[in-house]
N, C-alpha and C. Protein backbone atom coordinates (compact mmCIF):
# COMPACT_ATOMS: atom_id res chain seq x y z
N MET A 1 17.73 -10.96 59.99
CA MET A 1 17.79 -10.05 61.13
C MET A 1 18.66 -8.83 60.72
N ILE A 2 19.75 -9.02 60.07
CA ILE A 2 20.65 -7.93 59.69
C ILE A 2 19.85 -6.97 58.75
N ARG A 3 19.04 -7.56 57.82
CA ARG A 3 18.27 -6.79 56.86
C ARG A 3 17.32 -5.90 57.56
N ILE A 4 16.75 -6.38 58.61
CA ILE A 4 15.74 -5.59 59.37
C ILE A 4 16.43 -4.45 60.10
N LEU A 5 17.63 -4.73 60.59
CA LEU A 5 18.33 -3.62 61.24
C LEU A 5 18.84 -2.52 60.30
N LYS A 6 19.26 -2.99 59.11
CA LYS A 6 19.68 -2.01 58.08
C LYS A 6 18.48 -1.20 57.58
N LEU A 7 17.34 -1.82 57.45
CA LEU A 7 16.06 -1.17 57.04
C LEU A 7 15.67 -0.12 58.09
N MET A 8 15.74 -0.51 59.37
CA MET A 8 15.38 0.38 60.44
C MET A 8 16.36 1.59 60.46
N ALA A 9 17.60 1.29 60.28
CA ALA A 9 18.64 2.43 60.30
C ALA A 9 18.38 3.37 59.18
N SER A 10 18.00 2.87 57.97
CA SER A 10 17.81 3.79 56.87
C SER A 10 16.47 4.50 57.10
N PHE A 11 15.51 3.89 57.77
CA PHE A 11 14.25 4.57 58.04
C PHE A 11 14.52 5.71 59.01
N LYS A 12 15.29 5.44 60.02
CA LYS A 12 15.62 6.51 61.05
C LYS A 12 16.41 7.61 60.35
N LEU A 13 17.29 7.25 59.42
CA LEU A 13 18.02 8.29 58.68
C LEU A 13 17.11 9.17 57.85
N ALA A 14 16.11 8.52 57.20
CA ALA A 14 15.17 9.24 56.38
C ALA A 14 14.35 10.22 57.24
N ILE A 15 13.91 9.80 58.40
CA ILE A 15 13.13 10.63 59.31
C ILE A 15 14.02 11.84 59.77
N ALA A 16 15.21 11.57 60.18
CA ALA A 16 16.18 12.65 60.53
C ALA A 16 16.35 13.66 59.46
N LEU A 17 16.61 13.19 58.23
CA LEU A 17 16.71 14.11 57.08
C LEU A 17 15.46 14.88 56.89
N MET A 18 14.29 14.29 56.95
CA MET A 18 13.11 15.11 56.73
C MET A 18 12.92 16.10 57.86
N ALA A 19 13.28 15.75 59.10
CA ALA A 19 13.11 16.74 60.20
C ALA A 19 14.12 17.86 59.99
N ALA A 20 15.29 17.60 59.58
CA ALA A 20 16.33 18.58 59.32
C ALA A 20 15.93 19.58 58.22
N LEU A 21 15.34 19.00 57.17
CA LEU A 21 14.94 19.85 56.06
C LEU A 21 13.72 20.75 56.46
N THR A 22 12.82 20.14 57.25
CA THR A 22 11.70 20.88 57.64
C THR A 22 12.10 22.10 58.56
N LEU A 23 13.05 21.83 59.48
CA LEU A 23 13.57 22.86 60.43
C LEU A 23 14.38 23.85 59.66
N ALA A 24 15.12 23.47 58.68
CA ALA A 24 15.97 24.38 57.90
C ALA A 24 15.12 25.32 57.09
N SER A 25 13.96 24.88 56.63
CA SER A 25 13.12 25.73 55.79
C SER A 25 12.39 26.76 56.65
N CYS A 26 12.37 26.63 57.96
CA CYS A 26 11.68 27.59 58.77
C CYS A 26 12.65 28.85 59.02
N GLY A 27 12.55 29.72 58.11
CA GLY A 27 13.51 30.94 58.22
C GLY A 27 12.64 32.10 58.62
N ARG A 28 13.05 33.29 58.06
CA ARG A 28 12.32 34.50 58.31
C ARG A 28 11.04 34.42 57.67
N ALA A 29 10.03 35.02 58.38
CA ALA A 29 8.76 35.17 57.74
C ALA A 29 8.69 36.37 56.81
N GLY A 30 7.96 36.25 55.76
CA GLY A 30 7.76 37.34 54.87
C GLY A 30 8.49 37.19 53.57
N PRO A 31 8.29 38.03 52.64
CA PRO A 31 8.89 37.95 51.42
C PRO A 31 10.34 38.39 51.36
N PRO A 32 11.16 37.90 50.44
CA PRO A 32 12.55 38.42 50.41
C PRO A 32 12.57 39.83 49.86
N ILE A 33 13.51 40.65 50.28
CA ILE A 33 13.59 42.00 49.80
C ILE A 33 15.00 42.28 49.29
N LYS A 34 15.08 43.23 48.33
CA LYS A 34 16.43 43.53 47.79
C LYS A 34 17.27 44.18 48.84
N PRO A 35 18.61 43.97 48.71
CA PRO A 35 19.51 44.55 49.69
C PRO A 35 19.36 46.09 49.79
N SER A 36 19.18 46.81 48.63
CA SER A 36 19.08 48.26 48.62
C SER A 36 17.89 48.64 49.36
N ASP A 37 16.71 47.90 49.23
CA ASP A 37 15.54 48.24 49.90
C ASP A 37 15.68 48.02 51.43
N ALA A 38 16.45 46.94 51.80
CA ALA A 38 16.70 46.63 53.15
C ALA A 38 17.58 47.71 53.84
N ALA A 39 18.52 48.27 53.04
CA ALA A 39 19.37 49.36 53.54
C ALA A 39 18.52 50.61 53.81
N ILE A 40 17.64 50.86 52.91
CA ILE A 40 16.78 52.06 53.05
C ILE A 40 15.90 51.89 54.29
N LYS A 41 15.31 50.73 54.40
CA LYS A 41 14.41 50.42 55.56
C LYS A 41 15.22 50.57 56.87
N GLN A 42 16.40 50.06 56.92
CA GLN A 42 17.26 50.15 58.12
C GLN A 42 17.60 51.54 58.43
N ALA A 43 17.90 52.36 57.43
CA ALA A 43 18.31 53.75 57.62
C ALA A 43 17.12 54.51 58.21
N LYS A 44 15.86 54.27 57.69
CA LYS A 44 14.68 54.94 58.24
C LYS A 44 14.55 54.57 59.68
N LYS A 45 14.77 53.28 60.00
CA LYS A 45 14.61 52.82 61.38
C LYS A 45 15.63 53.48 62.32
N ASP A 46 16.89 53.66 61.79
CA ASP A 46 17.97 54.26 62.61
C ASP A 46 17.88 55.74 62.68
N GLY A 47 17.14 56.36 61.76
CA GLY A 47 17.04 57.81 61.66
C GLY A 47 18.21 58.43 60.95
N THR A 48 18.89 57.65 60.13
CA THR A 48 20.00 58.15 59.29
C THR A 48 19.55 58.41 57.85
N PRO A 49 20.31 59.16 57.13
CA PRO A 49 19.92 59.37 55.68
C PRO A 49 20.05 57.99 54.92
N ALA A 50 19.02 57.87 54.12
CA ALA A 50 19.04 56.69 53.35
C ALA A 50 19.99 56.62 52.21
N PRO A 51 20.71 55.53 51.94
CA PRO A 51 21.68 55.46 50.84
C PRO A 51 20.88 55.47 49.49
N GLU A 52 21.58 55.97 48.48
CA GLU A 52 20.97 56.04 47.15
C GLU A 52 20.86 54.62 46.57
N LYS A 53 19.85 54.37 45.72
CA LYS A 53 19.75 53.06 45.11
C LYS A 53 20.85 52.92 44.06
N PRO A 54 21.44 51.81 43.88
CA PRO A 54 22.52 51.67 42.89
C PRO A 54 22.01 51.89 41.46
N VAL A 55 22.78 52.56 40.68
CA VAL A 55 22.51 52.92 39.30
C VAL A 55 23.45 52.18 38.42
N PRO A 56 22.93 51.55 37.39
CA PRO A 56 23.89 50.85 36.52
C PRO A 56 24.74 51.83 35.76
N ASN A 57 26.03 51.63 35.69
CA ASN A 57 26.94 52.40 34.83
C ASN A 57 28.10 51.57 34.37
N SER A 58 29.14 52.15 33.81
CA SER A 58 30.17 51.36 33.19
C SER A 58 30.97 50.50 34.31
N LYS A 59 31.03 51.04 35.47
CA LYS A 59 31.75 50.39 36.58
C LYS A 59 30.88 49.34 37.22
N ASN A 60 29.58 49.59 37.19
CA ASN A 60 28.59 48.72 37.87
C ASN A 60 27.50 48.37 36.88
N PRO A 61 27.71 47.47 35.91
CA PRO A 61 26.61 47.16 35.02
C PRO A 61 25.52 46.38 35.68
N ASP A 62 24.28 46.53 35.14
CA ASP A 62 23.19 45.81 35.77
C ASP A 62 23.14 44.35 35.24
N LYS A 63 23.80 43.50 36.02
CA LYS A 63 23.99 42.11 35.69
C LYS A 63 22.78 41.31 36.36
N ARG A 64 22.08 40.61 35.58
CA ARG A 64 21.01 39.78 36.16
C ARG A 64 21.50 38.46 36.61
N PHE A 65 21.03 38.01 37.76
CA PHE A 65 21.28 36.71 38.30
C PHE A 65 20.11 35.83 38.12
N VAL A 66 20.36 34.52 38.07
CA VAL A 66 19.25 33.60 37.81
C VAL A 66 18.12 33.78 38.78
N LEU A 67 18.38 34.02 40.00
CA LEU A 67 17.32 34.07 41.07
C LEU A 67 16.79 35.44 41.23
N ASP A 68 17.13 36.47 40.50
CA ASP A 68 16.67 37.79 40.67
C ASP A 68 15.16 37.90 40.52
N GLY A 69 14.52 37.08 39.83
CA GLY A 69 13.08 37.06 39.67
C GLY A 69 12.37 36.80 41.00
N LEU A 70 13.05 36.13 41.88
CA LEU A 70 12.36 35.90 43.24
C LEU A 70 12.30 37.17 44.03
N LEU A 71 13.13 38.06 43.83
CA LEU A 71 13.14 39.36 44.56
C LEU A 71 12.25 40.41 44.04
N GLU A 72 11.73 40.17 42.82
CA GLU A 72 10.93 41.22 42.24
C GLU A 72 9.47 40.95 42.32
């Protein structure tokens, strides 16, 4: 009897985790965009001058991050 209750509890936990993961994956629709592109888009929407895109230099080198390929 106790085994059945433990099995049912683990089954309920698995269902709850699947539901949580499914709901958590429902985010914004559309592809991800770079922060600089988002700032330009927002500036156009607000009617303000668009900021310049960041340029790599000695103070701001172009460092690649592992997930940068997802944004390109």
